[in-house]
Amino acid sequence: MALTLYGGARSRASMPRWYMEERGIAYSWQQLDMEAGEHRQPPFTTINPFGKVPALVEEAPELPGGSVQLFESGAILLYLAERHGGECQSAAERGLAQQWVLFANATLATALFVPSNREREFPRLMTVLDGLLAGGRPLIGERWGVADCAVHAYLAYLPIFFPQIDLSPYPNVQATIAATQQRPAYQRVMRQR
């Protein structure tokens, strides 16, 4: 088995990298030179024809054709959780994981990175998340997993990309960000960005 994750500095590749580091999943990291447009040229466009990162390639004899190629951080996270992370073992677990990863990549990301949505949606989402994050419990089950990786990664982006946002009304969100920043696997990935 060989896993290779392709990404660039300051890209969504940090999410699957963080997940693999947390779970102790062996992988190779292939950083592309985004400024030089390496992600929009062969051979990378044979992995993701849209020329975006991240992308994951796994080579293993038991896979159809001996390999799988994936793009989109959410799809990569869900694949890793099911195949390598010991998660998503039932339809219910899979559905819950998909719910949180899709929420993170569609709803939460849009509320953070689209200015008009940030004004309208951000306070409502943060209020609900603050309640759900009370007590530091995982979003699914009893241990940190793919849902936490997806949601907490976006929350941890807040002080990086939006230091001007006042998070004091959301103490559980603040505690989650602080706890995320202290995780050794998160620190390893973010130092290498």
N, C-alpha and C. Protein backbone atom coordinates (compact mmCIF):
# COMPACT_ATOMS: atom_id res chain seq x y z
N MET A 1 0.83 -1.17 0.00
CA MET A 1 0.00 0.00 0.00
C MET A 1 0.88 1.24 0.00
N ALA A 2 0.56 2.20 -0.85
CA ALA A 2 1.27 3.47 -0.89
C ALA A 2 0.25 4.59 -1.07
N LEU A 3 0.25 5.52 -0.12
CA LEU A 3 -0.61 6.70 -0.19
C LEU A 3 0.26 7.91 -0.48
N THR A 4 -0.15 8.71 -1.46
CA THR A 4 0.53 9.96 -1.76
C THR A 4 -0.50 11.06 -1.76
N LEU A 5 -0.25 12.09 -0.95
CA LEU A 5 -1.12 13.25 -0.89
C LEU A 5 -0.43 14.40 -1.59
N TYR A 6 -1.14 15.02 -2.52
CA TYR A 6 -0.63 16.16 -3.27
C TYR A 6 -1.32 17.42 -2.76
N GLY A 7 -0.53 18.47 -2.58
CA GLY A 7 -1.10 19.73 -2.13
C GLY A 7 -0.12 20.85 -2.30
N GLY A 8 -0.54 22.00 -1.81
CA GLY A 8 0.30 23.17 -1.86
C GLY A 8 0.32 23.85 -0.51
N ALA A 9 1.21 24.78 -0.36
CA ALA A 9 1.27 25.55 0.87
C ALA A 9 -0.05 26.30 1.03
N ARG A 10 -0.54 26.34 2.25
CA ARG A 10 -1.78 27.06 2.58
C ARG A 10 -2.95 26.60 1.72
N SER A 11 -3.13 25.30 1.66
CA SER A 11 -4.25 24.74 0.90
C SER A 11 -5.06 23.80 1.79
N ARG A 12 -6.18 23.35 1.28
CA ARG A 12 -7.02 22.41 2.02
C ARG A 12 -6.36 21.05 2.19
N ALA A 13 -5.22 20.86 1.60
CA ALA A 13 -4.49 19.61 1.82
C ALA A 13 -4.12 19.43 3.28
N SER A 14 -4.11 20.52 4.04
CA SER A 14 -3.77 20.40 5.46
C SER A 14 -4.79 19.54 6.20
N MET A 15 -6.04 19.51 5.76
CA MET A 15 -7.04 18.69 6.46
C MET A 15 -6.74 17.19 6.35
N PRO A 16 -6.61 16.64 5.15
CA PRO A 16 -6.27 15.21 5.10
C PRO A 16 -4.90 14.90 5.68
N ARG A 17 -3.95 15.82 5.56
CA ARG A 17 -2.63 15.60 6.19
C ARG A 17 -2.79 15.50 7.70
N TRP A 18 -3.58 16.39 8.27
CA TRP A 18 -3.80 16.37 9.71
C TRP A 18 -4.46 15.06 10.12
N TYR A 19 -5.46 14.64 9.36
CA TYR A 19 -6.15 13.38 9.69
C TYR A 19 -5.16 12.20 9.66
N MET A 20 -4.35 12.13 8.61
CA MET A 20 -3.39 11.02 8.52
C MET A 20 -2.36 11.06 9.64
N GLU A 21 -1.92 12.24 10.00
CA GLU A 21 -0.98 12.37 11.11
C GLU A 21 -1.62 11.93 12.42
N GLU A 22 -2.85 12.34 12.67
CA GLU A 22 -3.56 11.97 13.90
C GLU A 22 -3.75 10.46 13.99
N ARG A 23 -4.07 9.84 12.88
CA ARG A 23 -4.36 8.41 12.87
C ARG A 23 -3.13 7.54 12.64
N GLY A 24 -1.99 8.15 12.42
CA GLY A 24 -0.78 7.38 12.20
C GLY A 24 -0.79 6.62 10.89
N ILE A 25 -1.43 7.19 9.89
CA ILE A 25 -1.52 6.57 8.56
C ILE A 25 -0.28 6.99 7.76
N ALA A 26 0.47 6.02 7.29
CA ALA A 26 1.69 6.32 6.53
C ALA A 26 1.31 6.89 5.15
N TYR A 27 2.01 7.95 4.77
CA TYR A 27 1.75 8.58 3.47
C TYR A 27 2.99 9.34 3.03
N SER A 28 3.01 9.66 1.75
CA SER A 28 4.04 10.53 1.19
C SER A 28 3.39 11.86 0.86
N TRP A 29 4.10 12.92 1.13
CA TRP A 29 3.60 14.26 0.87
C TRP A 29 4.29 14.81 -0.37
N GLN A 30 3.51 15.26 -1.32
CA GLN A 30 4.03 15.83 -2.56
C GLN A 30 3.55 17.27 -2.65
N GLN A 31 4.43 18.20 -2.29
CA GLN A 31 4.04 19.61 -2.35
C GLN A 31 4.27 20.14 -3.74
N LEU A 32 3.22 20.71 -4.31
CA LEU A 32 3.29 21.29 -5.65
C LEU A 32 3.60 22.78 -5.55
N ASP A 33 4.29 23.28 -6.53
CA ASP A 33 4.59 24.71 -6.60
C ASP A 33 3.40 25.40 -7.25
N MET A 34 2.52 25.93 -6.40
CA MET A 34 1.28 26.55 -6.89
C MET A 34 1.57 27.83 -7.67
N GLU A 35 2.55 28.59 -7.24
CA GLU A 35 2.88 29.84 -7.94
C GLU A 35 3.38 29.57 -9.34
N ALA A 36 4.07 28.46 -9.53
CA ALA A 36 4.56 28.10 -10.86
C ALA A 36 3.48 27.39 -11.69
N GLY A 37 2.32 27.13 -11.09
CA GLY A 37 1.23 26.48 -11.82
C GLY A 37 1.40 24.99 -11.99
N GLU A 38 2.23 24.38 -11.15
CA GLU A 38 2.48 22.94 -11.26
C GLU A 38 1.19 22.13 -11.14
N HIS A 39 0.21 22.64 -10.40
CA HIS A 39 -1.06 21.94 -10.21
C HIS A 39 -1.95 21.99 -11.45
N ARG A 40 -1.60 22.77 -12.43
CA ARG A 40 -2.42 22.90 -13.64
C ARG A 40 -1.74 22.29 -14.86
N GLN A 41 -0.74 21.45 -14.59
CA GLN A 41 0.03 20.85 -15.68
C GLN A 41 0.14 19.34 -15.45
N PRO A 42 0.35 18.59 -16.56
CA PRO A 42 0.68 17.18 -16.37
C PRO A 42 2.00 17.10 -15.63
N PRO A 43 2.21 16.11 -14.84
CA PRO A 43 1.39 14.93 -14.65
C PRO A 43 0.26 15.10 -13.64
N PHE A 44 0.22 16.26 -12.90
CA PHE A 44 -0.80 16.37 -11.88
C PHE A 44 -2.22 16.37 -12.46
N THR A 45 -2.42 16.94 -13.62
CA THR A 45 -3.78 16.98 -14.18
C THR A 45 -4.29 15.60 -14.59
N THR A 46 -3.42 14.60 -14.61
CA THR A 46 -3.93 13.24 -14.82
C THR A 46 -4.56 12.70 -13.53
N ILE A 47 -4.21 13.30 -12.39
CA ILE A 47 -4.81 12.92 -11.11
C ILE A 47 -6.06 13.75 -10.87
N ASN A 48 -5.96 15.06 -11.04
CA ASN A 48 -7.12 15.93 -10.94
C ASN A 48 -7.17 16.81 -12.16
N PRO A 49 -8.04 16.49 -13.12
CA PRO A 49 -8.10 17.26 -14.35
C PRO A 49 -8.53 18.71 -14.13
N PHE A 50 -9.09 19.03 -12.97
CA PHE A 50 -9.49 20.40 -12.67
C PHE A 50 -8.32 21.24 -12.16
N GLY A 51 -7.19 20.58 -11.89
CA GLY A 51 -5.99 21.30 -11.50
C GLY A 51 -6.08 21.94 -10.13
N LYS A 52 -6.75 21.29 -9.20
CA LYS A 52 -6.88 21.81 -7.84
C LYS A 52 -6.32 20.81 -6.85
N VAL A 53 -5.90 21.33 -5.71
CA VAL A 53 -5.41 20.47 -4.63
C VAL A 53 -6.38 20.57 -3.47
N PRO A 54 -6.42 19.52 -2.66
CA PRO A 54 -5.57 18.34 -2.62
C PRO A 54 -6.04 17.25 -3.55
N ALA A 55 -5.17 16.28 -3.71
CA ALA A 55 -5.49 15.04 -4.41
C ALA A 55 -4.75 13.91 -3.70
N LEU A 56 -5.33 12.74 -3.76
CA LEU A 56 -4.76 11.57 -3.10
C LEU A 56 -4.68 10.44 -4.10
N VAL A 57 -3.56 9.73 -4.09
CA VAL A 57 -3.41 8.51 -4.88
C VAL A 57 -3.03 7.41 -3.92
N GLU A 58 -3.79 6.31 -4.00
CA GLU A 58 -3.43 5.13 -3.24
C GLU A 58 -3.21 3.99 -4.21
N GLU A 59 -2.08 3.34 -4.05
CA GLU A 59 -1.75 2.17 -4.85
C GLU A 59 -1.73 0.96 -3.93
N ALA A 60 -2.57 -0.02 -4.27
CA ALA A 60 -2.63 -1.26 -3.49
C ALA A 60 -3.23 -2.33 -4.38
N PRO A 61 -2.70 -3.56 -4.31
CA PRO A 61 -3.15 -4.61 -5.22
C PRO A 61 -4.63 -4.94 -5.09
N GLU A 62 -5.22 -4.73 -3.91
CA GLU A 62 -6.64 -5.10 -3.73
C GLU A 62 -7.61 -4.06 -4.29
N LEU A 63 -7.10 -2.91 -4.70
CA LEU A 63 -7.97 -1.88 -5.27
C LEU A 63 -8.25 -2.20 -6.74
N PRO A 64 -9.43 -1.85 -7.23
CA PRO A 64 -9.72 -2.06 -8.66
C PRO A 64 -8.70 -1.34 -9.53
N GLY A 65 -8.05 -2.08 -10.39
CA GLY A 65 -7.00 -1.52 -11.23
C GLY A 65 -5.72 -1.23 -10.49
N GLY A 66 -5.67 -1.58 -9.21
CA GLY A 66 -4.46 -1.41 -8.43
C GLY A 66 -4.26 -0.04 -7.80
N SER A 67 -5.20 0.90 -8.08
CA SER A 67 -5.04 2.23 -7.48
C SER A 67 -6.36 2.98 -7.48
N VAL A 68 -6.40 4.01 -6.67
CA VAL A 68 -7.52 4.94 -6.65
C VAL A 68 -6.94 6.35 -6.61
N GLN A 69 -7.59 7.25 -7.35
CA GLN A 69 -7.19 8.65 -7.36
C GLN A 69 -8.40 9.48 -6.95
N LEU A 70 -8.21 10.35 -5.98
CA LEU A 70 -9.30 11.19 -5.48
C LEU A 70 -8.89 12.64 -5.42
N PHE A 71 -9.85 13.52 -5.66
CA PHE A 71 -9.65 14.94 -5.37
C PHE A 71 -10.83 15.40 -4.54
N GLU A 72 -10.76 16.60 -4.01
CA GLU A 72 -11.69 17.21 -3.06
C GLU A 72 -11.36 16.74 -1.65
N SER A 73 -11.08 17.69 -0.79
CA SER A 73 -10.64 17.37 0.57
C SER A 73 -11.67 16.54 1.33
N GLY A 74 -12.96 16.82 1.14
CA GLY A 74 -13.99 16.05 1.83
C GLY A 74 -14.03 14.61 1.39
N ALA A 75 -13.93 14.37 0.10
CA ALA A 75 -13.92 12.99 -0.41
C ALA A 75 -12.70 12.24 0.10
N ILE A 76 -11.57 12.93 0.12
CA ILE A 76 -10.33 12.31 0.61
C ILE A 76 -10.47 11.96 2.09
N LEU A 77 -10.98 12.90 2.89
CA LEU A 77 -11.17 12.64 4.32
C LEU A 77 -12.07 11.44 4.56
N LEU A 78 -13.19 11.38 3.85
CA LEU A 78 -14.13 10.28 4.06
C LEU A 78 -13.53 8.94 3.63
N TYR A 79 -12.79 8.93 2.54
CA TYR A 79 -12.12 7.72 2.09
C TYR A 79 -11.12 7.25 3.14
N LEU A 80 -10.30 8.17 3.63
CA LEU A 80 -9.30 7.81 4.64
C LEU A 80 -9.96 7.29 5.91
N ALA A 81 -11.05 7.94 6.32
CA ALA A 81 -11.74 7.53 7.54
C ALA A 81 -12.27 6.11 7.43
N GLU A 82 -12.82 5.78 6.28
CA GLU A 82 -13.40 4.45 6.10
C GLU A 82 -12.34 3.39 5.85
N ARG A 83 -11.39 3.68 4.99
CA ARG A 83 -10.41 2.66 4.60
C ARG A 83 -9.26 2.50 5.60
N HIS A 84 -8.84 3.60 6.20
CA HIS A 84 -7.65 3.54 7.05
C HIS A 84 -7.87 3.98 8.49
N GLY A 85 -8.95 4.69 8.76
CA GLY A 85 -9.14 5.29 10.07
C GLY A 85 -10.04 4.51 11.02
N GLY A 86 -10.60 3.39 10.55
CA GLY A 86 -11.47 2.60 11.41
C GLY A 86 -12.81 3.27 11.68
N GLU A 87 -13.18 4.23 10.88
CA GLU A 87 -14.46 4.91 11.04
C GLU A 87 -15.42 4.47 9.93
N CYS A 88 -16.64 4.92 10.03
CA CYS A 88 -17.65 4.71 8.97
C CYS A 88 -17.90 3.23 8.71
N GLN A 89 -18.04 2.44 9.76
CA GLN A 89 -18.22 1.00 9.62
C GLN A 89 -19.67 0.59 9.40
N SER A 90 -20.61 1.53 9.55
CA SER A 90 -22.02 1.25 9.29
C SER A 90 -22.59 2.40 8.46
N ALA A 91 -23.77 2.17 7.91
CA ALA A 91 -24.41 3.23 7.12
C ALA A 91 -24.68 4.46 7.99
N ALA A 92 -25.06 4.24 9.24
CA ALA A 92 -25.33 5.37 10.14
C ALA A 92 -24.04 6.15 10.42
N GLU A 93 -22.95 5.46 10.72
CA GLU A 93 -21.67 6.15 10.97
C GLU A 93 -21.21 6.89 9.72
N ARG A 94 -21.37 6.25 8.58
CA ARG A 94 -20.97 6.88 7.31
C ARG A 94 -21.80 8.15 7.08
N GLY A 95 -23.10 8.04 7.30
CA GLY A 95 -23.98 9.20 7.11
C GLY A 95 -23.63 10.36 8.03
N LEU A 96 -23.34 10.06 9.29
CA LEU A 96 -22.96 11.12 10.23
C LEU A 96 -21.63 11.77 9.82
N ALA A 97 -20.68 10.96 9.42
CA ALA A 97 -19.39 11.50 8.97
C ALA A 97 -19.59 12.38 7.73
N GLN A 98 -20.37 11.92 6.79
CA GLN A 98 -20.64 12.70 5.58
C GLN A 98 -21.34 14.01 5.93
N GLN A 99 -22.28 13.95 6.86
CA GLN A 99 -23.00 15.15 7.28
C GLN A 99 -22.04 16.22 7.76
N TRP A 100 -21.11 15.86 8.65
CA TRP A 100 -20.19 16.85 9.22
C TRP A 100 -19.14 17.31 8.22
N VAL A 101 -18.63 16.42 7.40
CA VAL A 101 -17.63 16.84 6.40
C VAL A 101 -18.28 17.75 5.37
N LEU A 102 -19.48 17.43 4.93
CA LEU A 102 -20.18 18.30 3.98
C LEU A 102 -20.54 19.63 4.63
N PHE A 103 -20.97 19.61 5.89
CA PHE A 103 -21.25 20.85 6.60
C PHE A 103 -19.99 21.73 6.64
N ALA A 104 -18.87 21.13 6.99
CA ALA A 104 -17.62 21.90 7.08
C ALA A 104 -17.24 22.50 5.73
N ASN A 105 -17.26 21.70 4.68
CA ASN A 105 -16.77 22.15 3.38
C ASN A 105 -17.77 23.02 2.62
N ALA A 106 -19.05 22.90 2.90
CA ALA A 106 -20.04 23.69 2.18
C ALA A 106 -20.57 24.84 3.04
N THR A 107 -21.20 24.50 4.14
CA THR A 107 -21.85 25.52 4.96
C THR A 107 -20.85 26.37 5.75
N LEU A 108 -19.99 25.73 6.51
CA LEU A 108 -19.06 26.48 7.36
C LEU A 108 -18.04 27.25 6.53
N ALA A 109 -17.47 26.62 5.52
CA ALA A 109 -16.49 27.30 4.68
C ALA A 109 -17.11 28.51 3.99
N THR A 110 -18.33 28.38 3.51
CA THR A 110 -19.00 29.49 2.85
C THR A 110 -19.27 30.62 3.84
N ALA A 111 -19.69 30.27 5.05
CA ALA A 111 -19.95 31.29 6.07
C ALA A 111 -18.68 32.04 6.46
N LEU A 112 -17.54 31.37 6.36
CA LEU A 112 -16.28 32.01 6.73
C LEU A 112 -15.67 32.82 5.59
N PHE A 113 -15.64 32.25 4.41
CA PHE A 113 -14.84 32.83 3.34
C PHE A 113 -15.61 33.68 2.33
N VAL A 114 -16.93 33.71 2.41
CA VAL A 114 -17.71 34.59 1.54
C VAL A 114 -18.19 35.76 2.40
N PRO A 115 -17.67 36.96 2.15
CA PRO A 115 -17.95 38.08 3.05
C PRO A 115 -19.43 38.32 3.36
N SER A 116 -20.28 38.29 2.36
CA SER A 116 -21.71 38.54 2.63
C SER A 116 -22.31 37.43 3.49
N ASN A 117 -21.86 36.21 3.30
CA ASN A 117 -22.34 35.11 4.14
C ASN A 117 -21.78 35.20 5.55
N ARG A 118 -20.55 35.68 5.67
CA ARG A 118 -19.93 35.82 6.99
C ARG A 118 -20.78 36.74 7.86
N GLU A 119 -21.24 37.83 7.29
CA GLU A 119 -22.06 38.78 8.05
C GLU A 119 -23.40 38.16 8.43
N ARG A 120 -23.99 37.41 7.53
CA ARG A 120 -25.35 36.88 7.73
C ARG A 120 -25.35 35.55 8.48
N GLU A 121 -24.49 34.63 8.09
CA GLU A 121 -24.53 33.26 8.61
C GLU A 121 -23.60 32.98 9.78
N PHE A 122 -22.48 33.65 9.82
CA PHE A 122 -21.45 33.34 10.81
C PHE A 122 -21.98 33.34 12.25
N PRO A 123 -22.66 34.42 12.70
CA PRO A 123 -23.10 34.42 14.11
C PRO A 123 -24.04 33.26 14.44
N ARG A 124 -24.94 32.95 13.54
CA ARG A 124 -25.88 31.85 13.80
C ARG A 124 -25.16 30.52 13.87
N LEU A 125 -24.28 30.25 12.94
CA LEU A 125 -23.53 29.00 12.95
C LEU A 125 -22.64 28.89 14.19
N MET A 126 -21.98 29.97 14.54
CA MET A 126 -21.08 29.93 15.70
C MET A 126 -21.86 29.70 16.99
N THR A 127 -23.05 30.27 17.09
CA THR A 127 -23.88 30.07 18.29
C THR A 127 -24.24 28.60 18.43
N VAL A 128 -24.67 27.98 17.34
CA VAL A 128 -25.05 26.56 17.38
C VAL A 128 -23.82 25.70 17.65
N LEU A 129 -22.73 25.95 16.93
CA LEU A 129 -21.50 25.18 17.14
C LEU A 129 -20.98 25.33 18.57
N ASP A 130 -21.08 26.53 19.12
CA ASP A 130 -20.61 26.75 20.48
C ASP A 130 -21.33 25.82 21.45
N GLY A 131 -22.63 25.65 21.25
CA GLY A 131 -23.37 24.72 22.11
C GLY A 131 -22.98 23.28 21.88
N LEU A 132 -22.78 22.90 20.63
CA LEU A 132 -22.43 21.52 20.31
C LEU A 132 -21.02 21.15 20.79
N LEU A 133 -20.16 22.13 20.89
CA LEU A 133 -18.77 21.88 21.28
C LEU A 133 -18.54 21.96 22.79
N ALA A 134 -19.60 22.24 23.53
CA ALA A 134 -19.48 22.34 24.99
C ALA A 134 -18.94 21.03 25.55
N GLY A 135 -18.02 21.14 26.48
CA GLY A 135 -17.45 19.95 27.13
C GLY A 135 -16.35 19.29 26.35
N GLY A 136 -16.02 19.79 25.16
CA GLY A 136 -14.91 19.23 24.39
C GLY A 136 -15.14 17.82 23.85
N ARG A 137 -16.39 17.42 23.75
CA ARG A 137 -16.69 16.07 23.25
C ARG A 137 -16.52 16.02 21.73
N PRO A 138 -16.17 14.85 21.20
CA PRO A 138 -16.13 14.69 19.75
C PRO A 138 -17.52 14.88 19.14
N LEU A 139 -17.55 15.29 17.89
CA LEU A 139 -18.83 15.49 17.21
C LEU A 139 -19.56 14.17 16.96
N ILE A 140 -18.80 13.09 16.79
CA ILE A 140 -19.37 11.75 16.58
C ILE A 140 -18.64 10.78 17.50
N GLY A 141 -19.38 9.99 18.22
CA GLY A 141 -18.78 8.92 19.00
C GLY A 141 -17.99 9.42 20.20
N GLU A 142 -17.03 8.59 20.60
CA GLU A 142 -16.27 8.85 21.82
C GLU A 142 -14.85 9.33 21.60
N ARG A 143 -14.37 9.31 20.34
CA ARG A 143 -13.00 9.75 20.11
C ARG A 143 -12.91 10.64 18.88
N TRP A 144 -11.86 11.46 18.87
CA TRP A 144 -11.62 12.38 17.76
C TRP A 144 -11.68 11.63 16.45
N GLY A 145 -12.31 12.23 15.43
CA GLY A 145 -12.40 11.56 14.15
C GLY A 145 -12.54 12.54 13.00
N VAL A 146 -12.99 12.01 11.89
CA VAL A 146 -13.06 12.76 10.64
C VAL A 146 -13.96 13.99 10.75
N ALA A 147 -15.06 13.88 11.47
CA ALA A 147 -15.95 15.04 11.64
C ALA A 147 -15.22 16.16 12.38
N ASP A 148 -14.51 15.80 13.43
CA ASP A 148 -13.76 16.80 14.19
C ASP A 148 -12.67 17.42 13.33
N CYS A 149 -11.99 16.61 12.56
CA CYS A 149 -10.93 17.12 11.69
C CYS A 149 -11.49 18.18 10.75
N ALA A 150 -12.58 17.88 10.08
CA ALA A 150 -13.15 18.81 9.11
C ALA A 150 -13.62 20.10 9.76
N VAL A 151 -14.41 19.99 10.81
CA VAL A 151 -14.98 21.18 11.46
C VAL A 151 -13.90 21.97 12.20
N HIS A 152 -13.08 21.29 12.97
CA HIS A 152 -12.07 21.99 13.77
C HIS A 152 -11.02 22.65 12.88
N ALA A 153 -10.73 22.08 11.74
CA ALA A 153 -9.77 22.71 10.83
C ALA A 153 -10.27 24.08 10.40
N TYR A 154 -11.55 24.17 10.03
CA TYR A 154 -12.10 25.47 9.64
C TYR A 154 -12.13 26.44 10.81
N LEU A 155 -12.49 25.96 11.98
CA LEU A 155 -12.49 26.84 13.14
C LEU A 155 -11.09 27.36 13.42
N ALA A 156 -10.09 26.49 13.29
CA ALA A 156 -8.71 26.90 13.54
C ALA A 156 -8.20 27.89 12.49
N TYR A 157 -8.87 27.96 11.33
CA TYR A 157 -8.51 28.96 10.33
C TYR A 157 -8.89 30.37 10.79
N LEU A 158 -9.87 30.48 11.70
CA LEU A 158 -10.37 31.79 12.10
C LEU A 158 -9.26 32.73 12.57
N PRO A 159 -8.45 32.35 13.56
CA PRO A 159 -7.41 33.30 13.98
C PRO A 159 -6.31 33.52 12.93
N ILE A 160 -6.18 32.60 12.00
CA ILE A 160 -5.17 32.75 10.95
C ILE A 160 -5.63 33.74 9.89
N PHE A 161 -6.86 33.54 9.37
CA PHE A 161 -7.35 34.36 8.27
C PHE A 161 -8.21 35.54 8.71
N PHE A 162 -8.79 35.46 9.89
CA PHE A 162 -9.71 36.50 10.35
C PHE A 162 -9.43 36.90 11.80
N PRO A 163 -8.23 37.36 12.09
CA PRO A 163 -7.91 37.70 13.48
C PRO A 163 -8.78 38.82 14.04
N GLN A 164 -9.42 39.59 13.17
CA GLN A 164 -10.24 40.70 13.62
C GLN A 164 -11.61 40.25 14.15
N ILE A 165 -12.00 39.01 13.92
CA ILE A 165 -13.32 38.54 14.38
C ILE A 165 -13.27 38.28 15.88
N ASP A 166 -14.23 38.85 16.57
CA ASP A 166 -14.34 38.68 18.02
C ASP A 166 -15.03 37.35 18.31
N LEU A 167 -14.29 36.42 18.87
CA LEU A 167 -14.86 35.11 19.21
C LEU A 167 -15.26 35.00 20.67
N SER A 168 -15.16 36.09 21.42
CA SER A 168 -15.49 36.02 22.85
C SER A 168 -16.93 35.57 23.13
N PRO A 169 -17.91 35.82 22.25
CA PRO A 169 -19.25 35.30 22.54
C PRO A 169 -19.35 33.77 22.40
N TYR A 170 -18.28 33.13 21.92
CA TYR A 170 -18.30 31.69 21.64
C TYR A 170 -17.17 31.00 22.40
N PRO A 171 -17.27 30.88 23.72
CA PRO A 171 -16.16 30.33 24.50
C PRO A 171 -15.82 28.88 24.16
N ASN A 172 -16.80 28.08 23.76
CA ASN A 172 -16.50 26.69 23.40
C ASN A 172 -15.81 26.60 22.05
N VAL A 173 -16.14 27.49 21.16
CA VAL A 173 -15.41 27.57 19.89
C VAL A 173 -13.97 27.98 20.16
N GLN A 174 -13.78 28.97 21.02
CA GLN A 174 -12.42 29.39 21.38
C GLN A 174 -11.64 28.25 22.01
N ALA A 175 -12.27 27.51 22.91
CA ALA A 175 -11.60 26.38 23.56
C ALA A 175 -11.25 25.30 22.54
N THR A 176 -12.12 25.08 21.57
CA THR A 176 -11.85 24.08 20.53
C THR A 176 -10.67 24.51 19.67
N ILE A 177 -10.62 25.78 19.32
CA ILE A 177 -9.50 26.29 18.53
C ILE A 177 -8.20 26.12 19.32
N ALA A 178 -8.21 26.49 20.59
CA ALA A 178 -7.01 26.37 21.42
C ALA A 178 -6.58 24.91 21.54
N ALA A 179 -7.53 24.01 21.75
CA ALA A 179 -7.20 22.58 21.88
C ALA A 179 -6.66 22.04 20.56
N THR A 180 -7.24 22.47 19.45
CA THR A 180 -6.77 22.03 18.13
C THR A 180 -5.33 22.49 17.92
N GLN A 181 -5.05 23.73 18.24
CA GLN A 181 -3.71 24.27 18.04
C GLN A 181 -2.65 23.57 18.91
N GLN A 182 -3.08 22.92 19.97
CA GLN A 182 -2.15 22.22 20.86
C GLN A 182 -1.93 20.76 20.47
N ARG A 183 -2.71 20.24 19.55
CA ARG A 183 -2.56 18.84 19.16
C ARG A 183 -1.23 18.66 18.42
N PRO A 184 -0.40 17.71 18.83
CA PRO A 184 0.90 17.53 18.17
C PRO A 184 0.80 17.27 16.66
N ALA A 185 -0.17 16.48 16.23
CA ALA A 185 -0.30 16.21 14.79
C ALA A 185 -0.67 17.48 14.03
N TYR A 186 -1.54 18.28 14.58
CA TYR A 186 -1.92 19.54 13.96
C TYR A 186 -0.70 20.46 13.87
N GLN A 187 0.07 20.54 14.94
CA GLN A 187 1.25 21.39 14.94
C GLN A 187 2.26 20.93 13.89
N ARG A 188 2.45 19.62 13.74
CA ARG A 188 3.39 19.11 12.73
C ARG A 188 2.95 19.55 11.33
N VAL A 189 1.68 19.40 11.04
CA VAL A 189 1.18 19.73 9.70
C VAL A 189 1.25 21.23 9.46
N MET A 190 0.83 22.02 10.43
CA MET A 190 0.79 23.46 10.22
C MET A 190 2.20 24.07 10.16
N ARG A 191 3.17 23.49 10.83
CA ARG A 191 4.55 23.97 10.73
C ARG A 191 5.11 23.74 9.32
N GLN A 192 4.62 22.72 8.66
CA GLN A 192 5.17 22.35 7.34
C GLN A 192 4.41 23.00 6.20
N ARG A 193 3.49 23.87 6.50
CA ARG A 193 2.68 24.49 5.45
C ARG A 193 3.46 25.38 4.56
